[in-house]
C-alpha atoms as a PDB file:
ATOM      1  CA  ILE A   1     135.260 -53.191   0.970  1.00  0.00           C
ATOM      2  CA  LEU A   2     137.571 -51.257  -1.331  1.00  0.00           C
ATOM      3  CA  ALA A   3     140.636 -52.174   0.671  1.00  0.00           C
ATOM      4  CA  GLY A   4     139.626 -55.839   0.559  1.00  0.00           C
ATOM      5  CA  ALA A   5     139.149 -55.684  -3.199  1.00  0.00           C
ATOM      6  CA  ILE A   6     142.520 -54.039  -3.686  1.00  0.00           C
ATOM      7  CA  ALA A   7     144.143 -56.721  -1.506  1.00  0.00           C
ATOM      8  CA  VAL A   8     142.480 -59.507  -3.534  1.00  0.00           C
ATOM      9  CA  ILE A   9     143.659 -57.959  -6.803  1.00  0.00           C
ATOM     10  CA  ALA A  10     147.212 -57.494  -5.470  1.00  0.00           C
ATOM     11  CA  ILE A  11     147.372 -61.089  -4.256  1.00  0.00           C
ATOM     12  CA  TYR A  12     146.075 -62.352  -7.601  1.00  0.00           C
ATOM     13  CA  LEU A  13     148.627 -60.314  -9.544  1.00  0.00           C
ATOM     14  CA  VAL A  14     151.482 -61.524  -7.353  1.00  0.00           C
ATOM     15  CA  ALA A  15     150.374 -65.127  -7.777  1.00  0.00           C
ATOM     16  CA  VAL A  16     150.020 -64.826 -11.556  1.00  0.00           C
ATOM     17  CA  LEU A  17     153.323 -62.999 -12.006  1.00  0.00           C
ATOM     18  CA  ASP A  18     155.219 -65.364  -9.711  1.00  0.00           C
ATOM     19  CA  LYS A  19     153.858 -68.411 -11.526  1.00  0.00           C
ATOM     20  CA  GLY A  20     154.664 -66.807 -14.873  1.00  0.00           C
ATOM     21  CA  LEU A  21     158.198 -66.047 -13.769  1.00  0.00           C
ATOM     22  CA  LYS A  22     158.818 -69.558 -12.471  1.00  0.00           C
ATOM     23  CA  LEU A  23     157.482 -71.178 -15.623  1.00  0.00           C
ATOM     24  CA  GLY A  24     159.378 -68.831 -17.882  1.00  0.00           C
ATOM     25  CA  LEU A  25     156.208 -67.690 -19.610  1.00  0.00           C
ATOM     26  CA  MET A  26     156.980 -63.976 -19.402  1.00  0.00           C
ATOM     27  CA  SER A  27     159.626 -62.449 -21.548  1.00  0.00           C
ATOM     28  CA  ARG A  28     162.405 -60.340 -20.055  1.00  0.00           C
ATOM     29  CA  LEU A  29     160.878 -57.237 -21.649  1.00  0.00           C
ATOM     30  CA  ALA A  30     157.471 -57.931 -20.039  1.00  0.00           C
ATOM     31  CA  GLN A  31     159.132 -58.352 -16.663  1.00  0.00           C
ATOM     32  CA  GLN A  32     160.941 -55.028 -17.043  1.00  0.00           C
ATOM     33  CA  VAL A  33     157.752 -53.277 -18.163  1.00  0.00           C
ATOM     34  CA  ILE A  34     155.860 -54.566 -15.144  1.00  0.00           C
ATOM     35  CA  ILE A  35     158.664 -53.649 -12.762  1.00  0.00           C
ATOM     36  CA  VAL A  36     158.971 -50.109 -14.260  1.00  0.00           C
ATOM     37  CA  LEU A  37     155.299 -49.241 -14.845  1.00  0.00           C
ATOM     38  CA  ILE A  38     153.399 -50.673 -11.896  1.00  0.00           C
ATOM     39  CA  PRO A  39     154.895 -48.510  -9.064  1.00  0.00           C
ATOM     40  CA  PRO A  40     154.243 -45.103 -10.751  1.00  0.00           C
ATOM     41  CA  LEU A  41     150.748 -46.137 -11.832  1.00  0.00           C
ATOM     42  CA  ALA A  42     150.044 -47.333  -8.269  1.00  0.00           C
ATOM     43  CA  LEU A  43     151.269 -43.980  -6.926  1.00  0.00           C
ATOM     44  CA  ILE A  44     149.074 -42.091  -9.390  1.00  0.00           C
ATOM     45  CA  PHE A  45     146.077 -44.172  -8.394  1.00  0.00           C
ATOM     46  CA  LEU A  46     146.913 -43.681  -4.743  1.00  0.00           C
ATOM     47  CA  VAL A  47     146.623 -39.918  -5.157  1.00  0.00           C
ATOM     48  CA  LEU A  48     144.092 -39.330  -7.919  1.00  0.00           C
ATOM     49  CA  GLY A  49     142.092 -42.543  -7.510  1.00  0.00           C
ATOM     50  CA  THR A  50     141.362 -41.958  -3.855  1.00  0.00           C
ATOM     51  CA  ILE A  51     140.356 -38.312  -4.569  1.00  0.00           C
ATOM     52  CA  PHE A  52     138.050 -39.206  -7.527  1.00  0.00           C
ATOM     53  CA  LEU A  53     136.514 -42.135  -5.627  1.00  0.00           C
ATOM     54  CA  GLY A  54     135.724 -39.810  -2.739  1.00  0.00           C
ATOM     55  CA  ILE A  55     137.847 -41.700  -0.239  1.00  0.00           C
ATOM     56  CA  ALA A  56     140.209 -38.821   0.419  1.00  0.00           C
ATOM     57  CA  THR A  57     140.217 -35.043   0.156  1.00  0.00           C
ATOM     58  CA  PRO A  58     142.915 -33.412  -2.045  1.00  0.00           C
ATOM     59  CA  THR A  59     145.021 -32.677   1.039  1.00  0.00           C
ATOM     60  CA  GLU A  60     144.749 -36.259   2.252  1.00  0.00           C
ATOM     61  CA  GLY A  61     145.464 -37.498  -1.294  1.00  0.00           C
ATOM     62  CA  GLY A  62     148.660 -35.423  -1.359  1.00  0.00           C
ATOM     63  CA  ALA A  63     149.695 -36.865   1.969  1.00  0.00           C
ATOM     64  CA  MET A  64     149.001 -40.381   0.701  1.00  0.00           C
ATOM     65  CA  GLY A  65     151.119 -39.607  -2.377  1.00  0.00           C
ATOM     66  CA  ALA A  66     153.980 -38.376  -0.165  1.00  0.00           C
ATOM     67  CA  VAL A  67     153.841 -41.525   1.982  1.00  0.00           C
ATOM     68  CA  GLY A  68     153.548 -43.696  -1.127  1.00  0.00           C
ATOM     69  CA  ALA A  69     156.594 -42.047  -2.669  1.00  0.00           C
ATOM     70  CA  LEU A  70     158.554 -42.679   0.543  1.00  0.00           C
ATOM     71  CA  ILE A  71     157.502 -46.321   0.490  1.00  0.00           C
ATOM     72  CA  LEU A  72     158.511 -46.674  -3.168  1.00  0.00           C
ATOM     73  CA  ALA A  73     161.893 -45.059  -2.503  1.00  0.00           C
ATOM     74  CA  ALA A  74     162.433 -47.345   0.491  1.00  0.00           C
ATOM     75  CA  ALA A  75     161.443 -50.392  -1.564  1.00  0.00           C
ATOM     76  CA  LYS A  76     163.979 -49.478  -4.247  1.00  0.00           C
ATOM     77  CA  ARG A  77     166.571 -48.848  -1.532  1.00  0.00           C
ATOM     78  CA  ARG A  78     167.010 -45.248  -2.656  1.00  0.00           C
ATOM     79  CA  LEU A  79     165.736 -43.619   0.496  1.00  0.00           C
ATOM     80  CA  THR A  80     168.731 -41.995   2.128  1.00  0.00           C
ATOM     81  CA  PHE A  81     169.170 -38.986   4.349  1.00  0.00           C
ATOM     82  CA  ASP A  82     170.597 -36.996   1.405  1.00  0.00           C
ATOM     83  CA  VAL A  83     167.531 -37.723  -0.697  1.00  0.00           C
ATOM     84  CA  VAL A  84     165.140 -36.687   2.091  1.00  0.00           C
ATOM     85  CA  ASN A  85     167.281 -33.556   2.729  1.00  0.00           C
ATOM     86  CA  GLN A  86     167.151 -32.591  -0.978  1.00  0.00           C
ATOM     87  CA  ALA A  87     163.396 -33.112  -1.072  1.00  0.00           C
ATOM     88  CA  LEU A  88     162.983 -31.004   2.054  1.00  0.00           C
ATOM     89  CA  ALA A  89     165.140 -28.226   0.548  1.00  0.00           C
ATOM     90  CA  ALA A  90     163.210 -28.235  -2.725  1.00  0.00           C
ATOM     91  CA  THR A  91     159.873 -28.223  -0.887  1.00  0.00           C
ATOM     92  CA  THR A  92     160.967 -25.335   1.328  1.00  0.00           C
ATOM     93  CA  ARG A  93     162.211 -23.356  -1.682  1.00  0.00           C
ATOM     94  CA  LEU A  94     158.907 -23.913  -3.543  1.00  0.00           C
ATOM     95  CA  SER A  95     156.864 -22.929  -0.470  1.00  0.00           C
ATOM     96  CA  ALA A  96     158.938 -19.737  -0.147  1.00  0.00           C
ATOM     97  CA  PHE A  97     158.304 -18.878  -3.817  1.00  0.00           C
ATOM     98  CA  VAL A  98     154.562 -19.326  -3.306  1.00  0.00           C
ATOM     99  CA  MET A  99     154.627 -17.172  -0.182  1.00  0.00           C
ATOM    100  CA  PHE A 100     156.503 -14.371  -2.015  1.00  0.00           C
ATOM    101  CA  ILE A 101     153.931 -14.520  -4.791  1.00  0.00           C
ATOM    102  CA  LEU A 102     151.101 -14.212  -2.256  1.00  0.00           C
ATOM    103  CA  ILE A 103     152.863 -11.346  -0.443  1.00  0.00           C
ATOM    104  CA  GLY A 104     153.409  -9.529  -3.762  1.00  0.00           C
ATOM    105  CA  ALA A 105     149.775 -10.011  -4.714  1.00  0.00           C
ATOM    106  CA  ARG A 106     148.646  -8.626  -1.361  1.00  0.00           C
ATOM    107  CA  VAL A 107     150.952  -5.601  -1.683  1.00  0.00           C
ATOM    108  CA  PHE A 108     149.666  -4.956  -5.220  1.00  0.00           C
ATOM    109  CA  SER A 109     146.044  -5.244  -4.164  1.00  0.00           C
ATOM    110  CA  LEU A 110     146.516  -2.888  -1.190  1.00  0.00           C
ATOM    111  CA  THR A 111     148.327  -0.361  -3.406  1.00  0.00           C
ATOM    112  CA  PHE A 112     145.681  -0.676  -6.095  1.00  0.00           C
ATOM    113  CA  TYR A 113     142.945  -0.143  -3.489  1.00  0.00           C
ATOM    114  CA  GLY A 114     144.909   2.741  -1.934  1.00  0.00           C
ATOM    115  CA  VAL A 115     144.936   4.723  -5.177  1.00  0.00           C
ATOM    116  CA  ASN A 116     141.206   4.017  -5.738  1.00  0.00           C
ATOM    117  CA  GLY A 117     141.967   1.576  -8.547  1.00  0.00           C
ATOM    118  CA  HIS A 118     138.784  -0.339  -7.860  1.00  0.00           C
ATOM    119  CA  LEU A 119     136.784   2.856  -8.607  1.00  0.00           C
ATOM    120  CA  TRP A 120     138.709   3.376 -11.849  1.00  0.00           C
ATOM    121  CA  VAL A 121     137.913  -0.145 -13.028  1.00  0.00           C
ATOM    122  CA  GLU A 122     134.267   0.252 -11.954  1.00  0.00           C
ATOM    123  CA  HIS A 123     133.987   3.501 -13.895  1.00  0.00           C
ATOM    124  CA  LEU A 124     135.683   1.949 -16.925  1.00  0.00           C
ATOM    125  CA  LEU A 125     133.375  -1.048 -16.999  1.00  0.00           C
ATOM    126  CA  THR A 126     130.162   0.916 -16.354  1.00  0.00           C
ATOM    127  CA  SER A 127     131.187   3.418 -19.085  1.00  0.00           C
ATOM    128  CA  LEU A 128     131.038   0.694 -21.750  1.00  0.00           C
ATOM    129  CA  PRO A 129     128.260   1.067 -24.287  1.00  0.00           C
ATOM    130  CA  GLY A 130     125.174  -0.529 -22.796  1.00  0.00           C
ATOM    131  CA  GLY A 131     126.246  -0.079 -19.157  1.00  0.00           C
ATOM    132  CA  GLU A 132     126.225  -3.132 -16.940  1.00  0.00           C
ATOM    133  CA  LEU A 133     124.363  -5.203 -19.555  1.00  0.00           C
ATOM    134  CA  GLY A 134     126.937  -4.216 -22.186  1.00  0.00           C
ATOM    135  CA  PHE A 135     129.699  -5.370 -19.878  1.00  0.00           C
ATOM    136  CA  LEU A 136     127.955  -8.747 -19.379  1.00  0.00           C
ATOM    137  CA  ILE A 137     127.580  -9.153 -23.127  1.00  0.00           C
ATOM    138  CA  ALA A 138     131.208  -8.176 -23.756  1.00  0.00           C
ATOM    139  CA  VAL A 139     132.472 -10.670 -21.155  1.00  0.00           C
ATOM    140  CA  SER A 140     130.203 -13.426 -22.486  1.00  0.00           C
ATOM    141  CA  VAL A 141     131.523 -13.075 -26.029  1.00  0.00           C
END
């Protein structure tokens, strides 16, 4: 039903814009605004709209955004091998950064646990005035 509604709206917009362009009703600025604003807004709706409407999970929404960005780049004739290669390199670099952060966090947590840091923190928090209830009050404030 949603896909049908989106198709009807898209057909209506194309018909209205095409008639407006042929009759000269739209100014040049309005044409440029429509051409510049509609694709990014459609891409944002493709990702966030489908997630908030419950059509897609965040992972699926991200995949839809990636495919939508590829379609937009192809429609603007900017999709070349170099652009895809640069995007792949940037994505790989970002994924490596995230992995190094996760590895560093794991090493820190194992070291912290190895020197009984969890017991130090537990003793520190239970030594607060009021004990466990005092800790809950301090955290709540």
